[in-house]
Amino acid sequence: MMNKQELVTALLCRHLSEIKVGIIVKGVDDIFPEEIIKAIASEEKHLYAAAIGYDEVA
């Protein structure tokens, strides 16, 4: 079974594969937006992202 982190990452990767700018707004507790952003972005694809409503996001 997938945890919340894996589920959100998989969902965003599947549905937002062509994005260049992303905003993650707090709606799911106990996830780490920085890790999700790193998983979606890659060496070939740059992603500008913001996480809103999460504490201590760098």
N, C-alpha and C. Protein backbone atom coordinates (compact mmCIF):
# COMPACT_ATOMS: atom_id res chain seq x y z
N MET A 1 0.84 -1.18 0.00
CA MET A 1 0.00 0.00 0.00
C MET A 1 0.88 1.25 0.00
N MET A 2 0.50 2.23 -0.77
CA MET A 2 1.27 3.47 -0.87
C MET A 2 0.97 4.38 0.32
N ASN A 3 2.02 5.08 0.77
CA ASN A 3 1.78 6.08 1.81
C ASN A 3 1.35 7.39 1.14
N LYS A 4 0.99 8.40 1.95
CA LYS A 4 0.51 9.67 1.39
C LYS A 4 1.53 10.32 0.48
N GLN A 5 2.79 10.29 0.88
CA GLN A 5 3.86 10.91 0.09
C GLN A 5 3.94 10.28 -1.30
N GLU A 6 3.97 8.96 -1.34
CA GLU A 6 4.07 8.24 -2.62
C GLU A 6 2.82 8.47 -3.48
N LEU A 7 1.66 8.50 -2.85
CA LEU A 7 0.41 8.68 -3.57
C LEU A 7 0.35 10.06 -4.23
N VAL A 8 0.68 11.11 -3.47
CA VAL A 8 0.66 12.47 -4.02
C VAL A 8 1.69 12.61 -5.14
N THR A 9 2.89 12.07 -4.93
CA THR A 9 3.94 12.14 -5.95
C THR A 9 3.51 11.44 -7.23
N ALA A 10 2.97 10.23 -7.12
CA ALA A 10 2.53 9.49 -8.30
C ALA A 10 1.40 10.21 -9.02
N LEU A 11 0.47 10.75 -8.26
CA LEU A 11 -0.65 11.47 -8.86
C LEU A 11 -0.18 12.68 -9.64
N LEU A 12 0.70 13.48 -9.03
CA LEU A 12 1.20 14.67 -9.71
C LEU A 12 2.06 14.31 -10.92
N CYS A 13 2.89 13.29 -10.80
CA CYS A 13 3.72 12.89 -11.95
C CYS A 13 2.85 12.46 -13.12
N ARG A 14 1.79 11.74 -12.84
CA ARG A 14 0.92 11.25 -13.91
C ARG A 14 0.13 12.37 -14.56
N HIS A 15 -0.43 13.26 -13.77
CA HIS A 15 -1.33 14.27 -14.31
C HIS A 15 -0.64 15.57 -14.71
N LEU A 16 0.54 15.82 -14.19
CA LEU A 16 1.19 17.09 -14.45
C LEU A 16 2.54 16.92 -15.13
N SER A 17 2.64 15.95 -16.00
CA SER A 17 3.93 15.62 -16.61
C SER A 17 4.48 16.72 -17.51
N GLU A 18 3.64 17.62 -17.97
CA GLU A 18 4.08 18.68 -18.89
C GLU A 18 4.19 20.05 -18.25
N ILE A 19 4.10 20.14 -16.94
CA ILE A 19 4.10 21.45 -16.29
C ILE A 19 5.50 22.04 -16.20
N LYS A 20 5.55 23.34 -16.05
CA LYS A 20 6.81 24.05 -15.81
C LYS A 20 6.74 24.82 -14.50
N VAL A 21 5.52 25.12 -14.06
CA VAL A 21 5.30 25.86 -12.82
C VAL A 21 4.28 25.09 -12.01
N GLY A 22 4.54 24.92 -10.72
CA GLY A 22 3.60 24.19 -9.88
C GLY A 22 3.43 24.85 -8.52
N ILE A 23 2.25 24.71 -7.98
CA ILE A 23 1.96 25.20 -6.64
C ILE A 23 1.33 24.05 -5.86
N ILE A 24 1.90 23.73 -4.71
CA ILE A 24 1.33 22.73 -3.83
C ILE A 24 0.73 23.48 -2.65
N VAL A 25 -0.58 23.41 -2.52
CA VAL A 25 -1.29 24.10 -1.45
C VAL A 25 -1.69 23.07 -0.40
N LYS A 26 -1.50 23.43 0.86
CA LYS A 26 -1.78 22.48 1.94
C LYS A 26 -3.20 21.96 1.83
N GLY A 27 -3.30 20.68 1.70
CA GLY A 27 -4.58 19.98 1.64
C GLY A 27 -4.41 18.57 2.16
N VAL A 28 -3.17 18.12 2.17
CA VAL A 28 -2.84 16.79 2.67
C VAL A 28 -1.78 16.95 3.75
N ASP A 29 -2.07 16.43 4.93
CA ASP A 29 -1.10 16.49 6.03
C ASP A 29 -0.04 15.41 5.88
N ASP A 30 1.06 15.61 6.55
CA ASP A 30 2.14 14.61 6.64
C ASP A 30 2.78 14.28 5.30
N ILE A 31 2.92 15.28 4.43
CA ILE A 31 3.70 15.09 3.21
C ILE A 31 4.83 16.12 3.22
N PHE A 32 5.84 15.89 2.40
CA PHE A 32 7.00 16.77 2.31
C PHE A 32 7.07 17.34 0.89
N PRO A 33 6.57 18.57 0.71
CA PRO A 33 6.50 19.15 -0.63
C PRO A 33 7.83 19.20 -1.36
N GLU A 34 8.93 19.46 -0.63
CA GLU A 34 10.24 19.53 -1.29
C GLU A 34 10.57 18.21 -1.98
N GLU A 35 10.26 17.10 -1.32
CA GLU A 35 10.56 15.79 -1.89
C GLU A 35 9.68 15.51 -3.11
N ILE A 36 8.44 15.94 -3.07
CA ILE A 36 7.54 15.77 -4.21
C ILE A 36 8.04 16.57 -5.39
N ILE A 37 8.44 17.82 -5.14
CA ILE A 37 8.96 18.68 -6.21
C ILE A 37 10.22 18.07 -6.83
N LYS A 38 11.12 17.55 -5.99
CA LYS A 38 12.33 16.90 -6.50
C LYS A 38 12.00 15.69 -7.35
N ALA A 39 10.98 14.93 -6.95
CA ALA A 39 10.61 13.72 -7.69
C ALA A 39 10.00 14.06 -9.05
N ILE A 40 9.28 15.17 -9.13
CA ILE A 40 8.66 15.56 -10.40
C ILE A 40 9.69 16.19 -11.33
N ALA A 41 10.54 17.04 -10.79
CA ALA A 41 11.58 17.68 -11.60
C ALA A 41 12.68 16.67 -11.89
N SER A 42 13.40 16.88 -12.96
CA SER A 42 14.49 15.99 -13.32
C SER A 42 15.59 16.80 -13.99
N GLU A 43 16.65 16.13 -14.36
CA GLU A 43 17.75 16.80 -15.03
C GLU A 43 17.30 17.39 -16.37
N GLU A 44 16.40 16.70 -17.06
CA GLU A 44 15.93 17.16 -18.36
C GLU A 44 14.82 18.20 -18.24
N LYS A 45 14.16 18.24 -17.11
CA LYS A 45 13.00 19.11 -16.95
C LYS A 45 13.15 19.96 -15.69
N HIS A 46 13.06 21.27 -15.87
CA HIS A 46 13.14 22.17 -14.74
C HIS A 46 11.73 22.52 -14.30
N LEU A 47 11.55 22.69 -13.00
CA LEU A 47 10.24 22.98 -12.44
C LEU A 47 10.36 24.13 -11.45
N TYR A 48 9.57 25.15 -11.64
CA TYR A 48 9.47 26.23 -10.68
C TYR A 48 8.25 25.93 -9.82
N ALA A 49 8.44 25.86 -8.52
CA ALA A 49 7.33 25.44 -7.66
C ALA A 49 7.28 26.24 -6.37
N ALA A 50 6.09 26.28 -5.81
CA ALA A 50 5.87 26.91 -4.51
C ALA A 50 5.01 25.96 -3.67
N ALA A 51 5.28 25.93 -2.39
CA ALA A 51 4.48 25.14 -1.45
C ALA A 51 3.89 26.13 -0.45
N ILE A 52 2.59 26.16 -0.34
CA ILE A 52 1.90 27.13 0.50
C ILE A 52 1.17 26.41 1.63
N GLY A 53 1.40 26.90 2.84
CA GLY A 53 0.70 26.35 4.00
C GLY A 53 1.45 25.28 4.75
N TYR A 54 2.66 24.97 4.32
CA TYR A 54 3.48 23.97 4.99
C TYR A 54 4.56 24.66 5.79
N ASP A 55 4.81 24.18 7.00
CA ASP A 55 5.86 24.76 7.85
C ASP A 55 7.23 24.31 7.39
N GLU A 56 8.20 25.21 7.52
CA GLU A 56 9.60 24.93 7.28
C GLU A 56 9.90 24.37 5.90
N VAL A 57 9.28 24.91 4.88
CA VAL A 57 9.60 24.52 3.50
C VAL A 57 10.68 25.46 3.02
N ALA A 58 11.78 24.88 2.52
CA ALA A 58 12.92 25.69 2.06
C ALA A 58 12.76 26.10 0.63
